[in-house]
């Protein structure tokens, strides 16, 4: 499967947090997030393993009991069932892959 970039396909999922499904397979989904400075991703958990890479900006990411200041080029992996949250310190763009695929993120 190939997918062309479409900058108009972002949708806001939380205040200041927009995402788009980039491409998906049978078991994985790749997403791109645009995160506005000052916004926050509240503490939550889900069954999906989540692996990410920060393209631009800066975020404060908490995974379980650990907190990291994530900068461009940094990456992370969150096992399914682990609580996590993020504070967005600068306008940021992140790419994340979820497994199993998060069908609710697909349009």
Protein backbone atom coordinates (compact mmCIF):
# COMPACT_ATOMS: atom_id res chain seq x y z
CA UNK A 1 0.00 0.00 0.00
CA UNK A 2 1.21 3.51 -0.82
CA UNK A 3 -0.29 6.72 0.55
CA UNK A 4 0.31 10.26 -0.69
CA UNK A 5 0.80 13.09 1.80
CA UNK A 6 -2.36 15.06 2.48
CA UNK A 7 -1.89 18.04 4.81
CA UNK A 8 -5.66 18.57 4.94
CA UNK A 9 -6.39 15.21 6.60
CA UNK A 10 -5.46 16.24 10.16
CA UNK A 11 -8.30 16.05 12.68
CA UNK A 12 -8.29 17.38 16.22
CA UNK A 13 -8.59 14.56 18.77
CA UNK A 14 -7.99 16.71 21.88
CA UNK A 15 -7.59 20.47 22.29
CA UNK A 16 -4.29 21.36 20.61
CA UNK A 17 -3.63 17.79 19.46
CA UNK A 18 -4.35 16.84 15.85
CA UNK A 19 -3.54 13.61 14.06
CA UNK A 20 -3.83 11.84 10.77
CA UNK A 21 -3.51 8.21 9.83
CA UNK A 22 -0.55 8.03 7.46
CA UNK A 23 -0.62 4.39 6.41
CA UNK A 24 -1.78 1.09 7.88
CA UNK A 25 -1.41 -2.62 7.46
CA UNK A 26 -3.22 -5.60 8.86
CA UNK A 27 -1.52 -5.30 12.29
CA UNK A 28 -0.05 -1.78 12.49
CA UNK A 29 -1.08 1.84 12.02
CA UNK A 30 1.30 4.77 11.46
CA UNK A 31 0.07 8.20 12.53
CA UNK A 32 1.40 11.74 12.38
CA UNK A 33 0.56 14.10 15.24
CA UNK A 34 0.68 17.90 15.25
CA UNK A 35 0.93 19.04 18.88
CA UNK A 36 0.44 22.71 19.80
CA UNK A 37 2.65 24.30 22.44
CA UNK A 38 0.91 24.40 25.81
CA UNK A 39 -1.43 21.49 25.10
CA UNK A 40 -1.37 18.23 27.03
CA UNK A 41 -2.10 14.58 26.49
CA UNK A 42 -3.73 13.45 29.77
CA UNK A 43 -2.66 10.31 31.61
CA UNK A 44 -4.15 7.29 29.86
CA UNK A 45 -3.50 3.70 28.89
CA UNK A 46 -4.55 1.36 26.08
CA UNK A 47 -3.80 -2.16 24.86
CA UNK A 48 -1.68 -0.94 21.94
CA UNK A 49 2.10 -0.95 21.87
CA UNK A 50 3.10 2.58 20.76
CA UNK A 51 6.46 3.47 19.19
CA UNK A 52 7.24 7.07 18.33
CA UNK A 53 9.76 9.48 16.83
CA UNK A 54 9.84 13.26 17.30
CA UNK A 55 10.39 15.13 14.04
CA UNK A 56 10.27 18.68 15.41
CA UNK A 57 9.51 20.60 18.60
CA UNK A 58 9.86 19.50 22.21
CA UNK A 59 7.62 17.46 24.52
CA UNK A 60 7.79 16.22 28.09
CA UNK A 61 6.77 12.56 27.88
CA UNK A 62 5.94 10.43 30.92
CA UNK A 63 5.90 6.64 30.52
CA UNK A 64 5.01 4.83 33.72
CA UNK A 65 7.15 6.43 36.43
CA UNK A 66 9.76 7.94 34.07
CA UNK A 67 9.66 11.40 32.46
CA UNK A 68 11.80 12.43 29.49
CA UNK A 69 12.30 15.73 27.68
CA UNK A 70 11.98 14.57 24.07
CA UNK A 71 13.71 16.58 21.32
CA UNK A 72 13.89 16.13 17.52
CA UNK A 73 15.44 12.80 16.60
CA UNK A 74 14.52 11.14 19.92
CA UNK A 75 12.26 8.09 19.98
CA UNK A 76 10.25 6.05 22.48
CA UNK A 77 8.35 2.83 22.92
CA UNK A 78 5.37 2.40 25.23
CA UNK A 79 4.25 -1.16 25.98
CA UNK A 80 0.53 -1.83 25.92
CA UNK A 81 -1.18 -1.33 29.28
CA UNK A 82 1.38 1.22 30.61
CA UNK A 83 0.11 4.64 31.71
CA UNK A 84 1.57 7.60 29.83
CA UNK A 85 1.03 11.32 29.26
CA UNK A 86 2.70 14.29 27.57
CA UNK A 87 3.07 18.04 28.04
CA UNK A 88 3.76 19.87 24.79
CA UNK A 89 6.57 22.39 25.36
CA UNK A 90 6.85 23.65 21.75
CA UNK A 91 4.81 23.14 18.58
CA UNK A 92 5.77 19.59 17.67
CA UNK A 93 5.35 16.93 15.01
CA UNK A 94 5.62 13.27 16.01
CA UNK A 95 5.18 10.04 14.09
CA UNK A 96 3.88 7.00 15.98
CA UNK A 97 3.16 3.38 15.11
CA UNK A 98 0.49 1.42 16.98
CA UNK A 99 0.13 -2.36 17.19
CA UNK A 100 -2.39 -3.81 17.06
CA UNK A 101 -3.82 -1.35 14.58
CA UNK A 102 -6.01 1.37 16.12
CA UNK A 103 -9.05 1.23 13.87
CA UNK A 104 -10.65 4.24 15.64
CA UNK A 105 -7.77 6.39 14.27
CA UNK A 106 -8.48 5.40 10.67
CA UNK A 107 -10.79 7.56 8.60
